[in-house]
Amino acid sequence: MTVPLSDPDTADRTGSAPAHATDTDAAAALLAALRRDLPAGTLGTGPEATGPYATDRSGSRPAGLPLAVVHATRTEHLRTALRHAHTLRVPVVPRGAGTGLSGGASAGAGSVVLDLSGMNRILELSPEEQIAVVEPGVITADLDRAAGEFGLRYAPDPASAAISTVGGNIATNAGGLRCAKYGVTRDAVLGLDALLADGTPIRTGRRTVKGVTGYDLTGLLTGSEGTLGVITAATVRLRPAPEETVTVAAYFATFAEGAEAVSALTAARIEPAMAELLDGPVLGAVDDAQGTDLRSRGGALLLLQCDGRGAAAEADAAVRRLRGRATSVEVTGDPAEAERLLAARRLALPSLERLGRPLIEDIAVPRNQLAAAVREIDAAADRHGVRIFTFAHAADGNLHPILVLDPALPAVPDAAWRAAGDIFTAALRLGGTLTGEHGVGTLKRRWLGDELGPDQHALQRRLKAAFDPHGILNPGKAL
C-alpha cells in the first residue's frame, strides 16, 4: 500500500474543510474579472505559467494545476484578487519563494496563487528605533545585510535565509540557526499589515517594543500559514550586531552523545546563540556533495556559536564541558573560518536532495529529552527499514529527521509514513510537538488532532471561520 504525498484522506481525519472544487462558471468569471482589473503582465494562466507554482520545496503535489497566478507587486493587486475570489468563492494560496517544507504553499486545481515574491521592498529601516518595515517578498538574508550596514542584524536565521522570504518565514513562524538565543520569527515581529479574505486591510501590532492593547492578532497571524490573512508588510525588530562571535566545532562518536552534551550545556546555564547538531549520515551526504571529509572525524558534529561581549568566556565554559565528551573540539574567532564550518549545516538539505526525494520532518521536544528523541528516531528507522538523516537546532530541542526516498516512486511508501508516525507519536509522548518551525501544511494534518485535542481543534476552526467565513484562504492547510 502507498499513500500519495498529499494524502486525500487527511481532511476527513482532521475534520477540516476540504479544498474547494471550483466550478467552471466561477473560474471563468474570476479570470475575466482579473484580466479586466489587474495590470498587464500581472496575471499568469495556462500550464506553463501555473505549473511551477503547484508545489513548494516539500514536493507535495495536489491534483491538477492552479487556475492562475497573480504576480503581485503592490497591495492593490492582492486586494483586487481577493475581492473577486471572495465573491466567487474561489480558493487562493499565498506564496513567497516556495521554500516551505510541509506543503503549505502547494496549490491544486481551481486555486489562484498569490505570488508575493515581487513585493520585495524594504520600506523603512530605522537604526534609531532598531526596526524595519518590509514587504513580504524581501529575502531574509537581504534584510539582515541591510541591517548590517547600521551595525544591526535581523536575528531570525533559517538555513534557507539566502532564498526564503520574510513573509514566508512569518507564515510558518520559522526558526533557524540563531533561535536558541534570539527566538523564532514571532519574537522579531512587532506588527503586520494584512488583507482579510475579502480584501479588507487590517493593521495589527505596533512599532513600540511593548504593547498589549487588544488580542495579539500579530502573534495569531504569525504561523497561520496564510489561512487567516495575506501579509502585505511587516514591522520587525532589529538587534545590535554582536561585538564578538566565537564558533566551536565538536565531534562525537554518536549523535546521541552529541545530544547528551547539548543537554549538559543547557543544565550548566550556557546559552549559545547557535547549537546545530548533525548526525553521521548527514555528514556523509555533505562530504559526497561538497568534497569535505567531515564524516571521517566522527559520528556527529556539534556547531556552537557564542556571541556578545562575553562570547569568549561563554565559549571557554562550553569547551570545558565538551572536552570530556567529544572526540575533538575546535575553536575559532575568525569569521571566514566560522562560515566555512557553518556551511556544512546550511548545505545539509541541498546535499540530501542529491540523494533522492526528501520527506522532511520537524519535531521539537523538551531540551532534556533531546537524546531520548534521537534514540526514538533511530529505532523508527530500524523498525521500518527506511533511511533517516537527522540534524537539529539542538539548544531548543528542535530536530529534523529526514526520510530520503526513491524519486522514481509515484507516492510515499507506507513504511515511510509508518516511520514518520512513530516519530511524531514519540515526540508527543516525550512532551513535544509535531512541528517546531516548518508548519503543518498538508503533510502533518493527519496527526494534528493527536496534539491539539478535539476542543482546541474545534476552537481553532472557529477562529479560522471568523477571519475567512467562506474558507477561501489556503484551504486544506494547517488545520
Protein backbone atom coordinates (compact mmCIF):
# COMPACT_ATOMS: atom_id res chain seq x y z
CA MET A 1 0.00 0.00 0.00
CA THR A 2 1.22 3.51 -0.79
CA VAL A 3 -0.14 6.91 0.17
CA PRO A 4 0.16 10.00 -2.04
CA LEU A 5 2.42 12.69 -0.65
CA SER A 6 -0.59 14.97 -0.25
CA ASP A 7 -2.89 12.42 1.36
CA PRO A 8 -6.51 12.82 0.13
CA ASP A 9 -7.93 11.30 3.31
CA THR A 10 -6.35 13.91 5.58
CA ALA A 11 -9.32 16.27 5.67
CA ASP A 12 -11.68 13.51 6.76
CA ARG A 13 -9.41 12.53 9.65
CA THR A 14 -8.89 16.08 10.93
CA GLY A 15 -12.40 17.38 10.39
CA SER A 16 -11.08 20.36 8.42
CA ALA A 17 -12.83 21.55 5.32
CA PRO A 18 -11.51 20.04 2.08
CA ALA A 19 -10.15 22.20 -0.69
CA HIS A 20 -12.82 23.85 -2.83
CA ALA A 21 -13.85 22.34 -6.13
CA THR A 22 -14.24 25.50 -8.20
CA ASP A 23 -16.96 25.21 -10.84
CA THR A 24 -16.32 26.22 -14.41
CA ASP A 25 -18.55 29.30 -14.34
CA ALA A 26 -16.89 30.75 -11.25
CA ALA A 27 -13.44 30.10 -12.69
CA ALA A 28 -14.32 31.80 -15.96
CA ALA A 29 -15.89 34.76 -14.18
CA LEU A 30 -12.85 35.18 -11.93
CA LEU A 31 -10.39 35.07 -14.81
CA ALA A 32 -12.45 37.63 -16.71
CA ALA A 33 -12.54 39.95 -13.69
CA LEU A 34 -8.81 39.60 -13.05
CA ARG A 35 -7.92 40.23 -16.70
CA ARG A 36 -10.07 43.33 -16.60
CA ASP A 37 -8.89 44.79 -13.28
CA LEU A 38 -5.23 43.80 -12.98
CA PRO A 39 -2.37 45.49 -14.86
CA ALA A 40 -0.96 43.75 -17.92
CA GLY A 41 1.62 41.13 -17.07
CA THR A 42 0.28 40.56 -13.56
CA LEU A 43 -1.89 37.52 -14.33
CA GLY A 44 -0.47 34.18 -15.47
CA THR A 45 -2.62 31.35 -16.82
CA GLY A 46 -2.05 28.05 -18.58
CA PRO A 47 0.11 25.07 -17.60
CA GLU A 48 3.46 26.71 -18.38
CA ALA A 49 2.62 29.72 -16.23
CA THR A 50 0.97 27.89 -13.32
CA GLY A 51 2.88 24.60 -13.24
CA PRO A 52 5.89 25.94 -11.28
CA TYR A 53 3.51 27.16 -8.57
CA ALA A 54 1.75 23.86 -7.89
CA THR A 55 4.15 22.80 -5.16
CA ASP A 56 6.76 24.10 -2.76
CA ARG A 57 10.08 22.60 -1.64
CA SER A 58 8.23 19.82 0.18
CA GLY A 59 7.37 18.23 -3.16
CA SER A 60 3.76 17.83 -2.03
CA ARG A 61 1.68 17.77 -5.21
CA PRO A 62 -2.10 18.18 -5.13
CA ALA A 63 -4.26 17.03 -8.01
CA GLY A 64 -4.15 19.31 -11.02
CA LEU A 65 -2.60 22.71 -11.60
CA PRO A 66 -3.64 26.13 -10.28
CA LEU A 67 -6.17 28.11 -12.27
CA ALA A 68 -3.98 31.22 -12.34
CA VAL A 69 -1.09 33.06 -10.69
CA VAL A 70 -1.29 36.71 -9.66
CA HIS A 71 2.23 38.18 -9.66
CA ALA A 72 1.58 40.99 -7.21
CA THR A 73 3.92 43.95 -6.92
CA ARG A 74 1.51 46.18 -4.99
CA THR A 75 -1.04 45.61 -2.24
CA GLU A 76 -3.81 46.75 -4.57
CA HIS A 77 -3.15 43.77 -6.85
CA LEU A 78 -3.82 41.47 -3.90
CA ARG A 79 -6.93 43.36 -2.83
CA THR A 80 -8.35 43.07 -6.32
CA ALA A 81 -7.71 39.33 -6.50
CA LEU A 82 -9.11 38.67 -3.02
CA ARG A 83 -12.22 40.75 -3.56
CA HIS A 84 -13.17 38.83 -6.68
CA ALA A 85 -12.14 35.42 -5.29
CA HIS A 86 -14.19 36.01 -2.14
CA THR A 87 -17.27 36.98 -4.14
CA LEU A 88 -16.96 33.93 -6.41
CA ARG A 89 -15.81 31.53 -3.62
CA VAL A 90 -12.56 30.63 -5.38
CA PRO A 91 -9.67 29.44 -3.18
CA VAL A 92 -6.43 31.44 -3.06
CA VAL A 93 -2.97 30.27 -1.98
CA PRO A 94 -0.46 32.91 -0.79
CA ARG A 95 3.13 32.10 -1.75
CA GLY A 96 6.56 33.61 -1.18
CA ALA A 97 9.67 31.90 -2.51
CA GLY A 98 8.18 28.40 -2.34
CA THR A 99 10.85 27.15 0.08
CA GLY A 100 8.34 25.72 2.56
CA LEU A 101 8.87 22.12 3.63
CA SER A 102 5.39 21.00 4.69
CA GLY A 103 3.25 21.65 1.63
CA GLY A 104 1.80 24.92 2.92
CA ALA A 105 2.15 26.62 -0.47
CA SER A 106 1.00 23.72 -2.65
CA ALA A 107 -1.83 24.80 -4.96
CA GLY A 108 -4.15 22.46 -6.80
CA ALA A 109 -6.80 22.63 -9.49
CA GLY A 110 -9.12 25.61 -9.34
CA SER A 111 -6.98 27.71 -6.99
CA VAL A 112 -5.39 31.09 -7.60
CA VAL A 113 -1.82 31.56 -6.38
CA LEU A 114 -0.97 34.96 -4.93
CA ASP A 115 2.73 35.30 -5.73
CA LEU A 116 4.18 37.78 -3.23
CA SER A 117 7.82 37.47 -4.28
CA GLY A 118 7.61 40.68 -6.33
CA MET A 119 6.65 42.70 -3.24
CA ASN A 120 10.27 42.87 -2.17
CA ARG A 121 10.97 46.39 -0.95
CA ILE A 122 12.45 47.41 2.38
CA LEU A 123 10.08 50.29 3.06
CA GLU A 124 11.86 51.66 6.12
CA LEU A 125 14.92 50.87 8.20
CA SER A 126 15.30 52.91 11.38
CA PRO A 127 18.66 52.46 13.16
CA GLU A 128 17.46 54.69 16.00
CA GLU A 129 14.35 52.62 16.72
CA GLN A 130 16.03 49.37 15.62
CA ILE A 131 13.08 48.39 13.44
CA ALA A 132 12.43 47.78 9.77
CA VAL A 133 9.24 47.78 7.72
CA VAL A 134 9.40 45.34 4.83
CA GLU A 135 7.18 43.85 2.18
CA PRO A 136 6.62 40.08 2.36
CA GLY A 137 8.81 39.19 -0.62
CA VAL A 138 12.03 40.57 0.88
CA ILE A 139 14.67 37.83 1.07
CA THR A 140 15.60 37.15 4.69
CA ALA A 141 19.36 37.44 4.16
CA ASP A 142 18.89 40.71 2.23
CA LEU A 143 17.17 42.27 5.24
CA ASP A 144 19.95 41.03 7.51
CA ARG A 145 22.58 42.56 5.20
CA ALA A 146 20.73 45.87 5.02
CA ALA A 147 20.55 45.97 8.83
CA GLY A 148 24.26 45.13 8.98
CA GLU A 149 25.12 48.42 7.29
CA PHE A 150 23.96 50.13 10.50
CA GLY A 151 25.58 47.70 12.93
CA LEU A 152 22.33 45.78 13.37
CA ARG A 153 21.03 42.34 12.45
CA TYR A 154 17.73 40.66 11.71
CA ALA A 155 18.04 37.82 14.18
CA PRO A 156 15.86 35.05 12.63
CA ASP A 157 18.26 32.92 10.59
CA PRO A 158 16.66 29.91 8.88
CA ALA A 159 19.07 27.71 6.96
CA SER A 160 17.23 28.88 3.82
CA ALA A 161 17.84 32.58 4.63
CA ALA A 162 19.54 33.18 1.28
CA ILE A 163 16.40 32.15 -0.65
CA SER A 164 13.41 32.31 1.72
CA THR A 165 11.27 35.42 2.20
CA VAL A 166 10.36 37.30 5.34
CA GLY A 167 6.68 36.80 4.57
CA GLY A 168 7.13 33.06 4.21
CA ASN A 169 9.10 32.95 7.45
CA ILE A 170 6.24 34.77 9.18
CA ALA A 171 3.66 32.43 7.67
CA THR A 172 5.34 29.39 9.21
CA ASN A 173 6.87 31.13 12.26
CA ALA A 174 10.25 29.92 11.02
CA GLY A 175 13.05 29.30 13.49
CA GLY A 176 16.61 28.84 12.34
CA LEU A 177 20.17 28.63 13.48
CA ARG A 178 20.16 31.55 15.93
CA CYS A 179 16.81 30.86 17.57
CA ALA A 180 18.31 29.30 20.72
CA LYS A 181 19.22 32.79 21.95
CA TYR A 182 17.13 35.15 19.85
CA GLY A 183 13.89 33.24 19.46
CA VAL A 184 11.84 32.33 16.40
CA THR A 185 10.33 34.69 13.83
CA ARG A 186 7.37 35.57 16.08
CA ASP A 187 9.82 37.09 18.58
CA ALA A 188 11.02 39.54 15.91
CA VAL A 189 7.63 40.61 14.52
CA LEU A 190 6.13 43.76 16.09
CA GLY A 191 3.26 44.39 13.69
CA LEU A 192 1.69 43.34 10.41
CA ASP A 193 -0.28 44.84 7.55
CA ALA A 194 -2.57 42.17 6.14
CA LEU A 195 -5.62 41.62 3.99
CA LEU A 196 -8.57 39.54 5.13
CA ALA A 197 -10.25 37.06 2.80
CA ASP A 198 -12.50 39.72 1.23
CA GLY A 199 -9.60 42.15 0.71
CA THR A 200 -10.28 44.24 3.83
CA PRO A 201 -6.98 45.73 5.05
CA ILE A 202 -6.04 45.49 8.71
CA ARG A 203 -3.02 46.64 10.69
CA THR A 204 -2.03 44.66 13.77
CA GLY A 205 0.54 45.19 16.49
CA ARG A 206 2.67 48.26 16.90
CA ARG A 207 6.04 49.95 16.32
CA THR A 208 6.85 50.08 20.03
CA VAL A 209 8.81 47.41 21.86
CA LYS A 210 5.93 46.96 24.32
CA GLY A 211 2.18 46.96 23.72
CA VAL A 212 -0.78 44.90 24.97
CA THR A 213 -3.83 46.62 23.50
CA GLY A 214 -6.46 44.08 22.47
CA TYR A 215 -5.86 40.49 21.43
CA ASP A 216 -2.48 39.62 19.94
CA LEU A 217 -3.51 39.32 16.30
CA THR A 218 0.09 39.74 15.19
CA GLY A 219 1.04 36.60 17.09
CA LEU A 220 -2.02 34.79 15.73
CA LEU A 221 -1.25 35.65 12.10
CA THR A 222 2.38 34.66 12.55
CA GLY A 223 2.49 30.92 11.92
CA SER A 224 -1.02 30.78 10.43
CA GLU A 225 0.30 29.62 7.02
CA GLY A 226 -1.83 32.04 5.01
CA THR A 227 -5.10 30.61 6.33
CA LEU A 228 -6.22 33.77 8.17
CA GLY A 229 -4.95 36.62 6.02
CA VAL A 230 -2.43 37.71 3.41
CA ILE A 231 0.53 39.65 4.81
CA THR A 232 1.41 42.77 2.83
CA ALA A 233 4.01 44.35 5.14
CA ALA A 234 5.74 43.56 8.42
CA THR A 235 7.28 45.74 11.10
CA VAL A 236 10.16 43.76 12.54
CA ARG A 237 12.62 44.22 15.36
CA LEU A 238 16.34 44.53 14.65
CA ARG A 239 19.08 43.85 17.17
CA PRO A 240 22.62 45.16 17.59
CA ALA A 241 25.20 43.03 15.81
CA PRO A 242 27.35 41.25 18.40
CA GLU A 243 30.75 42.73 19.17
CA GLU A 244 32.35 39.30 19.20
CA THR A 245 31.46 35.84 17.95
CA VAL A 246 33.26 32.61 18.79
CA THR A 247 32.49 29.34 16.97
CA VAL A 248 33.08 25.88 18.40
CA ALA A 249 33.05 22.66 16.36
CA ALA A 250 32.89 19.45 18.42
CA TYR A 251 32.83 15.92 17.00
CA PHE A 252 31.23 12.96 18.80
CA ALA A 253 31.21 9.22 18.30
CA THR A 254 27.41 9.14 18.03
CA PHE A 255 24.53 11.55 17.50
CA ALA A 256 23.02 10.58 20.86
CA GLU A 257 26.25 11.51 22.64
CA GLY A 258 26.19 14.89 20.95
CA ALA A 259 22.59 15.37 22.08
CA GLU A 260 23.52 14.47 25.65
CA ALA A 261 26.36 17.02 25.54
CA VAL A 262 23.95 19.77 24.49
CA SER A 263 21.64 18.85 27.37
CA ALA A 264 24.64 19.14 29.71
CA LEU A 265 25.36 22.65 28.39
CA THR A 266 21.73 23.63 28.99
CA ALA A 267 21.88 22.27 32.53
CA ALA A 268 25.03 24.35 33.10
CA ARG A 269 23.11 27.53 32.09
CA ILE A 270 25.24 28.03 29.00
CA GLU A 271 23.15 29.79 26.35
CA PRO A 272 24.85 29.82 22.94
CA ALA A 273 23.36 31.82 20.11
CA MET A 274 23.53 28.68 17.99
CA ALA A 275 23.82 24.95 18.63
CA GLU A 276 23.48 22.86 15.47
CA LEU A 277 23.90 19.09 15.61
CA LEU A 278 24.34 16.90 12.51
CA ASP A 279 24.40 13.10 12.51
CA GLY A 280 26.90 10.85 10.69
CA PRO A 281 24.71 10.13 7.64
CA VAL A 282 24.18 13.86 7.13
CA LEU A 283 27.93 14.48 7.36
CA GLY A 284 28.49 11.74 4.78
CA ALA A 285 25.95 13.33 2.43
CA VAL A 286 27.64 16.73 2.80
CA ASP A 287 31.03 15.13 2.12
CA ASP A 288 29.76 13.48 -1.06
CA ALA A 289 28.17 16.68 -2.32
CA GLN A 290 30.78 19.21 -1.22
CA GLY A 291 34.05 17.26 -1.24
CA THR A 292 34.64 17.64 2.51
CA ASP A 293 35.85 15.00 4.98
CA LEU A 294 33.58 15.62 7.96
CA ARG A 295 32.36 12.05 8.39
CA SER A 296 35.87 10.73 8.90
CA ARG A 297 36.16 12.86 12.04
CA GLY A 298 33.19 11.48 13.94
CA GLY A 299 29.63 10.20 14.00
CA ALA A 300 28.15 13.61 14.79
CA LEU A 301 29.14 17.27 14.57
CA LEU A 302 28.02 19.97 17.01
CA LEU A 303 28.42 23.58 15.89
CA LEU A 304 28.17 26.17 18.66
CA GLN A 305 28.32 29.93 18.40
CA CYS A 306 28.57 32.26 21.37
CA ASP A 307 28.19 35.97 20.75
CA GLY A 308 28.25 39.31 22.54
CA ARG A 309 30.75 40.85 24.93
CA GLY A 310 31.09 37.64 26.92
CA ALA A 311 31.41 35.36 23.88
CA ALA A 312 34.95 34.16 24.61
CA ALA A 313 34.23 33.37 28.26
CA GLU A 314 31.00 31.55 27.36
CA ALA A 315 32.75 29.56 24.65
CA ASP A 316 35.51 28.61 27.09
CA ALA A 317 32.89 27.38 29.57
CA ALA A 318 31.24 25.31 26.83
CA VAL A 319 34.53 23.81 25.68
CA ARG A 320 35.43 22.74 29.22
CA ARG A 321 32.19 20.76 29.41
CA LEU A 322 32.57 19.30 25.92
CA ARG A 323 36.16 18.07 26.15
CA GLY A 324 35.33 15.05 28.28
CA ARG A 325 32.52 14.04 25.93
CA ALA A 326 33.69 14.98 22.41
CA THR A 327 36.33 13.15 20.38
CA SER A 328 37.73 16.51 19.22
CA VAL A 329 36.98 20.20 19.69
CA GLU A 330 37.96 23.19 17.55
CA VAL A 331 37.52 26.88 18.45
CA THR A 332 37.75 29.89 16.14
CA GLY A 333 37.03 33.60 16.31
CA ASP A 334 37.74 34.08 12.61
CA PRO A 335 34.53 34.95 10.70
CA ALA A 336 35.69 33.28 7.49
CA GLU A 337 36.55 30.05 9.28
CA ALA A 338 33.22 30.19 11.12
CA GLU A 339 31.35 30.49 7.83
CA ARG A 340 33.27 27.52 6.47
CA LEU A 341 32.17 25.43 9.44
CA LEU A 342 28.56 26.63 9.26
CA ALA A 343 28.42 25.83 5.55
CA ALA A 344 28.09 22.17 6.49
CA ARG A 345 24.81 22.95 8.24
CA ARG A 346 23.44 25.29 5.59
CA LEU A 347 24.26 22.79 2.84
CA ALA A 348 22.80 19.79 4.65
CA LEU A 349 19.40 19.82 2.95
CA PRO A 350 20.72 20.59 -0.57
CA SER A 351 23.20 17.72 -0.11
CA LEU A 352 20.41 15.32 0.89
CA GLU A 353 18.30 16.42 -2.07
CA ARG A 354 21.03 15.00 -4.33
CA LEU A 355 20.41 11.54 -2.84
CA GLY A 356 16.69 11.34 -3.52
CA ARG A 357 13.37 12.85 -2.60
CA PRO A 358 13.42 14.14 1.00
CA LEU A 359 10.38 13.81 3.23
CA ILE A 360 11.36 16.45 5.76
CA GLU A 361 10.05 16.19 9.29
CA ASP A 362 10.28 18.74 12.07
CA ILE A 363 9.64 17.85 15.70
CA ALA A 364 10.56 19.59 18.92
CA VAL A 365 10.89 18.07 22.39
CA PRO A 366 11.85 19.42 25.83
CA ARG A 367 15.57 20.03 25.77
CA ASN A 368 16.29 17.40 28.40
CA GLN A 369 14.57 14.84 26.14
CA LEU A 370 16.73 15.51 23.09
CA ALA A 371 18.83 12.35 23.42
CA ALA A 372 15.71 10.25 24.02
CA ALA A 373 14.17 11.65 20.83
CA VAL A 374 17.33 10.77 18.90
CA ARG A 375 17.07 7.17 20.08
CA GLU A 376 13.38 7.06 19.06
CA ILE A 377 14.27 8.28 15.56
CA ASP A 378 16.96 5.61 15.19
CA ALA A 379 14.53 2.94 16.39
CA ALA A 380 11.87 4.04 13.90
CA ALA A 381 14.38 3.85 11.05
CA ASP A 382 15.43 0.33 12.04
CA ARG A 383 11.87 -0.87 12.66
CA HIS A 384 10.57 0.18 9.25
CA GLY A 385 13.71 -0.22 7.17
CA VAL A 386 13.92 3.39 5.97
CA ARG A 387 16.88 5.77 5.68
CA ILE A 388 16.65 8.70 8.09
CA PHE A 389 19.13 11.57 8.18
CA THR A 390 18.86 13.90 11.18
CA PHE A 391 20.09 17.34 12.08
CA ALA A 392 18.86 19.59 14.87
CA HIS A 393 18.64 23.04 16.35
CA ALA A 394 19.85 21.25 19.44
CA ALA A 395 19.76 24.03 22.04
CA ASP A 396 15.98 24.34 21.73
CA GLY A 397 15.16 20.68 21.18
CA ASN A 398 14.12 21.03 17.53
CA LEU A 399 15.03 18.01 15.37
CA HIS A 400 14.72 17.47 11.64
CA PRO A 401 14.60 13.74 10.83
CA ILE A 402 14.62 13.48 7.03
CA LEU A 403 13.49 10.39 5.16
CA VAL A 404 15.18 10.23 1.76
CA LEU A 405 13.01 8.36 -0.74
CA ASP A 406 13.46 6.98 -4.22
CA PRO A 407 12.39 9.82 -6.56
CA ALA A 408 11.09 7.27 -9.06
CA LEU A 409 8.31 6.22 -6.69
CA PRO A 410 4.95 7.82 -7.56
CA ALA A 411 3.96 8.06 -3.89
CA VAL A 412 5.47 7.85 -0.44
CA PRO A 413 5.87 4.20 0.65
CA ASP A 414 3.72 3.07 3.54
CA ALA A 415 6.86 2.19 5.53
CA ALA A 416 7.91 5.86 5.37
CA TRP A 417 4.53 7.05 6.64
CA ARG A 418 4.69 4.50 9.47
CA ALA A 419 8.18 5.67 10.45
CA ALA A 420 7.03 9.30 10.39
CA GLY A 421 4.01 8.39 12.50
CA ASP A 422 6.22 6.65 15.06
CA ILE A 423 8.46 9.72 15.27
CA PHE A 424 5.52 12.09 15.77
CA THR A 425 3.98 9.82 18.39
CA ALA A 426 7.30 9.66 20.21
CA ALA A 427 7.65 13.45 20.13
CA LEU A 428 4.24 13.88 21.74
CA ARG A 429 4.95 11.16 24.31
CA LEU A 430 8.15 12.99 25.29
CA GLY A 431 6.18 16.19 25.87
CA GLY A 432 6.99 17.73 22.50
CA THR A 433 5.24 18.93 19.36
CA LEU A 434 4.64 17.84 15.76
CA THR A 435 6.36 20.89 14.32
CA GLY A 436 8.80 23.38 15.77
CA GLU A 437 9.13 25.74 12.80
CA HIS A 438 8.07 24.32 9.42
CA GLY A 439 4.32 24.46 9.98
CA VAL A 440 1.69 21.77 9.48
CA GLY A 441 0.89 22.42 5.81
CA THR A 442 -0.61 19.30 4.26
CA LEU A 443 1.93 16.71 5.34
CA LYS A 444 1.16 16.68 9.08
CA ARG A 445 -2.58 17.27 9.23
CA ARG A 446 -3.36 13.62 9.86
CA TRP A 447 -1.60 13.87 13.27
CA LEU A 448 -2.81 17.34 14.25
CA GLY A 449 -5.73 16.17 16.34
CA ASP A 450 -3.43 14.00 18.43
CA GLU A 451 -1.61 17.11 19.67
CA LEU A 452 -4.41 19.66 19.86
CA GLY A 453 -7.24 17.51 21.18
CA PRO A 454 -10.84 17.90 19.97
CA ASP A 455 -11.78 21.00 21.97
CA GLN A 456 -8.80 23.13 20.98
CA HIS A 457 -9.01 21.87 17.40
CA ALA A 458 -12.65 22.97 17.20
CA LEU A 459 -11.79 26.37 18.68
CA GLN A 460 -9.07 26.90 16.10
CA ARG A 461 -11.50 26.06 13.31
CA ARG A 462 -13.91 28.68 14.71
CA LEU A 463 -11.10 31.24 14.65
CA LYS A 464 -10.42 30.35 11.04
CA ALA A 465 -14.09 30.89 10.18
CA ALA A 466 -14.09 34.32 11.86
CA PHE A 467 -11.25 35.50 9.63
CA ASP A 468 -12.28 33.61 6.49
CA PRO A 469 -16.01 32.78 6.55
CA HIS A 470 -16.07 31.20 3.09
CA GLY A 471 -12.89 29.20 3.60
CA ILE A 472 -11.04 30.52 0.55
CA LEU A 473 -7.67 31.26 2.21
CA ASN A 474 -5.28 28.37 1.66
CA PRO A 475 -7.96 25.71 2.24
CA GLY A 476 -6.88 22.25 3.34
CA LYS A 477 -3.75 23.56 5.09
CA ALA A 478 -2.66 23.85 8.73
CA LEU A 479 -5.99 22.73 10.29
